[in-house]
Protein backbone atom coordinates (compact mmCIF):
# COMPACT_ATOMS: atom_id res chain seq x y z
CA MET A 1 0.00 0.00 0.00
CA LEU A 2 2.84 2.40 0.89
CA HIS A 3 4.46 1.70 -2.47
CA PHE A 4 1.16 2.58 -4.25
CA ILE A 5 0.92 5.90 -2.32
CA LYS A 6 4.51 6.73 -3.25
CA LYS A 7 3.73 5.94 -6.88
CA ILE A 8 0.66 8.23 -6.88
CA GLY A 9 2.65 10.96 -5.14
CA LEU A 10 5.38 10.73 -7.75
CA ASP A 11 2.83 10.90 -10.57
CA TYR A 12 1.21 13.99 -9.05
CA CYS A 13 4.62 15.54 -8.57
CA LEU A 14 5.48 14.94 -12.24
CA ILE A 15 2.12 16.36 -13.37
CA PHE A 16 2.67 19.40 -11.16
CA LEU A 17 6.17 19.99 -12.58
CA LEU A 18 4.88 19.54 -16.14
CA GLY A 19 2.15 22.13 -15.46
CA ILE A 20 4.68 24.62 -14.11
CA SER A 21 6.92 24.00 -17.11
CA LEU A 22 4.07 24.64 -19.55
CA THR A 23 3.05 27.80 -17.70
CA LEU A 24 6.58 29.15 -17.85
CA SER A 25 6.86 28.26 -21.55
CA VAL A 26 3.65 30.15 -22.38
CA GLY A 27 4.90 33.17 -20.43
CA GLN A 28 8.22 33.04 -22.25
CA PHE A 29 6.41 32.79 -25.61
CA ASN A 30 4.28 35.85 -24.78
CA THR A 31 7.44 37.76 -23.83
CA MET A 32 9.13 36.71 -27.08
CA GLN A 33 6.06 37.76 -29.03
CA ALA A 34 6.02 41.17 -27.38
CA GLN A 35 9.79 41.54 -27.59
CA GLY A 36 10.47 41.15 -31.20
CA ILE A 37 8.64 38.78 -33.47
CA ILE A 38 8.08 41.91 -35.54
CA ARG A 39 11.22 42.48 -37.60
CA PRO A 40 12.99 45.83 -37.16
CA GLU A 41 12.49 46.47 -40.89
CA ASP A 42 8.72 46.02 -40.46
CA THR A 43 8.72 48.38 -37.49
CA ALA A 44 10.66 50.92 -39.56
CA ALA A 45 8.10 50.62 -42.38
CA ILE A 46 5.30 51.43 -39.92
CA VAL A 47 7.24 54.40 -38.56
CA TYR A 48 7.99 55.77 -42.03
CA GLN A 49 4.36 55.30 -43.07
CA LYS A 50 3.20 57.32 -40.07
CA PHE A 51 6.05 59.89 -40.19
CA PRO A 52 7.24 60.23 -43.82
CA GLU A 53 9.31 63.30 -42.89
CA ILE A 54 11.84 61.16 -41.00
CA PRO A 55 14.92 60.57 -43.19
CA LEU A 56 15.45 56.99 -44.35
CA GLU A 57 19.25 57.19 -44.12
CA ASN A 58 19.42 53.98 -46.16
CA GLN A 59 22.27 54.85 -48.52
CA TYR A 60 24.81 52.55 -46.84
CA VAL A 61 26.55 49.76 -48.77
CA ARG A 62 26.71 46.20 -47.45
CA GLN A 63 30.23 44.74 -47.22
CA GLU A 64 29.27 41.29 -48.50
CA THR A 65 27.34 42.41 -51.61
CA GLY A 66 28.83 45.80 -52.41
CA LYS A 67 25.30 47.11 -52.96
CA VAL A 68 23.15 49.60 -51.11
CA ASP A 69 20.80 47.91 -48.64
CA PRO A 70 17.52 49.86 -48.81
CA GLU A 71 16.07 48.12 -45.74
CA HIS A 72 18.99 49.19 -43.52
CA THR A 73 17.29 52.41 -42.40
CA LEU A 74 17.75 54.79 -39.51
CA MET A 75 14.66 53.42 -37.77
CA SER A 76 15.60 49.77 -38.27
CA ARG A 77 19.04 50.50 -36.79
CA MET A 78 17.47 52.32 -33.85
CA VAL A 79 15.20 49.33 -33.16
CA ARG A 80 18.19 46.96 -33.35
CA TYR A 81 20.21 49.23 -31.06
CA HIS A 82 17.33 49.30 -28.56
CA ARG A 83 16.64 45.56 -28.70
CA ASP A 84 19.98 43.90 -29.49
CA VAL A 85 22.63 46.25 -28.12
CA GLN A 86 20.90 47.68 -25.05
CA ARG A 87 18.52 44.73 -24.56
CA ARG A 88 15.70 47.03 -23.51
CA ILE A 89 12.08 45.99 -23.35
CA MET A 90 10.27 46.90 -26.55
CA ARG A 91 6.83 47.77 -25.21
CA TYR A 92 7.76 50.30 -22.52
CA ARG A 93 7.79 54.00 -23.32
CA PHE A 94 10.43 54.63 -20.64
CA ASP A 95 12.88 52.23 -22.31
CA TRP A 96 12.41 54.00 -25.65
CA LYS A 97 13.04 57.33 -23.93
CA LEU A 98 16.31 55.90 -22.61
CA THR A 99 17.28 54.93 -26.14
CA PHE A 100 16.58 58.45 -27.39
CA ALA A 101 18.61 59.76 -24.45
CA ASP A 102 21.52 57.60 -25.63
CA TYR A 103 21.32 59.17 -29.09
CA LEU A 104 21.14 62.64 -27.52
CA GLY A 105 24.26 61.92 -25.46
CA VAL A 106 22.62 62.29 -22.05
CA ASN A 107 22.36 58.66 -20.95
CA GLU A 108 24.67 55.76 -21.78
CA PRO A 109 27.54 56.45 -24.20
CA MET A 110 27.08 54.68 -27.52
CA LYS A 111 29.94 52.51 -28.77
CA ALA A 112 30.70 52.64 -32.49
CA ASP A 113 31.87 49.01 -32.64
CA ARG A 114 28.57 47.75 -31.18
CA TYR A 115 26.25 49.92 -33.28
CA PRO A 116 24.00 48.06 -35.78
CA GLY A 117 25.67 47.98 -39.17
CA SER A 118 29.18 48.61 -37.86
CA ASP A 119 30.29 45.14 -38.92
CA THR A 120 28.06 44.64 -42.00
CA LEU A 121 28.20 48.03 -43.76
CA THR A 122 31.22 49.65 -45.42
CA GLU A 123 30.67 52.80 -43.33
CA ASN A 124 29.49 52.90 -39.73
CA PRO A 125 26.24 54.91 -39.71
CA MET A 126 26.29 55.76 -35.99
CA GLN A 127 27.53 59.37 -36.14
CA LYS A 128 25.16 60.33 -38.96
CA ASP A 129 22.23 58.63 -37.17
CA ILE A 130 23.04 60.54 -33.97
CA LYS A 131 23.16 63.79 -35.95
CA VAL A 132 19.76 63.12 -37.56
CA ILE A 133 18.09 62.15 -34.29
CA ASN A 134 19.48 65.26 -32.59
CA GLN A 135 17.57 67.30 -35.18
CA PHE A 136 14.21 65.83 -34.10
CA THR A 137 11.98 68.11 -32.06
CA ARG A 138 10.88 67.05 -28.62
CA ARG A 139 7.38 66.49 -29.98
CA GLN A 140 8.70 64.21 -32.76
CA ARG A 141 10.65 62.17 -30.22
CA LEU A 142 7.59 61.78 -27.97
CA GLU A 143 5.39 60.75 -30.90
CA LEU A 144 7.99 58.20 -31.95
CA VAL A 145 8.21 56.84 -28.39
CA ASP A 146 4.43 56.40 -28.35
CA LEU A 147 4.37 54.71 -31.74
CA LEU A 148 7.32 52.39 -31.10
CA SER A 149 5.98 51.23 -27.75
CA SER A 150 2.51 50.64 -29.21
CA ILE A 151 3.92 48.53 -32.05
CA TYR A 152 5.39 46.11 -29.52
CA ALA A 153 2.48 46.16 -27.08
CA ILE A 154 0.94 42.77 -26.31
CA GLU A 155 -2.29 43.74 -28.08
CA LYS A 156 -2.16 44.30 -31.81
CA PRO A 157 -1.55 48.03 -32.34
CA GLU A 158 -3.89 50.10 -34.50
CA SER A 159 -1.12 50.94 -36.94
CA LEU A 160 -0.77 47.24 -37.80
CA GLU A 161 -4.53 46.77 -38.22
CA ASN A 162 -4.92 49.70 -40.64
CA THR A 163 -3.35 48.17 -43.70
CA GLY A 164 -6.07 49.10 -46.21
CA ASN A 165 -6.91 52.47 -47.66
CA SER A 166 -9.57 53.12 -45.06
CA PRO A 167 -9.29 56.44 -43.26
CA GLU A 168 -7.59 56.20 -39.93
CA LYS A 169 -9.70 56.44 -36.83
CA GLU A 170 -9.16 59.26 -34.43
CA PRO A 171 -7.43 57.87 -31.36
CA GLU A 172 -9.76 57.57 -28.43
CA PRO A 173 -8.85 59.90 -25.60
CA SER A 174 -7.35 58.04 -22.70
CA PRO A 175 -9.56 58.12 -19.63
CA SER A 176 -8.44 60.60 -17.07
CA PRO A 177 -7.38 59.11 -13.75
CA PRO A 178 -10.04 59.34 -11.07
CA THR A 179 -9.58 62.27 -8.79
CA PRO A 180 -9.38 61.13 -5.20
CA SER A 181 -12.27 62.42 -3.19
CA LYS A 182 -11.41 64.12 0.05
CA PRO A 183 -12.96 62.66 3.16
CA PRO A 184 -15.46 64.93 4.84
CA LEU A 185 -14.26 66.96 7.77
CA SER A 186 -15.13 65.56 11.16
CA GLN A 187 -18.21 66.90 12.81
CA PRO A 188 -18.85 67.45 16.49
CA GLY A 189 -19.79 64.15 18.06
CA ASP A 190 -17.98 61.94 15.53
CA ALA A 191 -15.60 60.70 18.23
CA GLN A 192 -18.58 59.33 20.14
CA LEU A 193 -19.32 56.99 17.22
CA LEU A 194 -16.06 55.13 17.87
CA GLN A 195 -17.25 53.90 21.25
């Protein structure tokens, strides 16, 4: 009988461990999905569609082919720098602000040898990219932060859903946070209620 109880206990233990393993795998998959299933080039295409005034900066030549790589854009490099070099979370606005701060020279110093394209292009694009990003207005940077974080949000962002020629919807205003109500002032005799 004791052997049978040990056998059942072992089976339950294995089932429990399998359940935990599956739960962790699903969580890891969701994180991977939010972190970068979307290619940097696809993210750049969304950004350039929304903000066509941002320079492509895609005139750089690949070392292996000797040809210009039109998909190697400023925005795709910025996404790769954010994700691959700094290993920052893709869906958080704060992390994108840190990346912009790197480009503006007020956060972490950027290293030319680690910049995307430094080992695949004939010319390292880092200095020119920094120069272009320093020309952005504060408003442009904030709009880019909002767009980039929404692209990698867990839910499918609007900009990915609007692929047809339908007019874009006006964004719904975010609900304002509830204002805390102040408790009423105590009245004479309120202390007697505590008895």
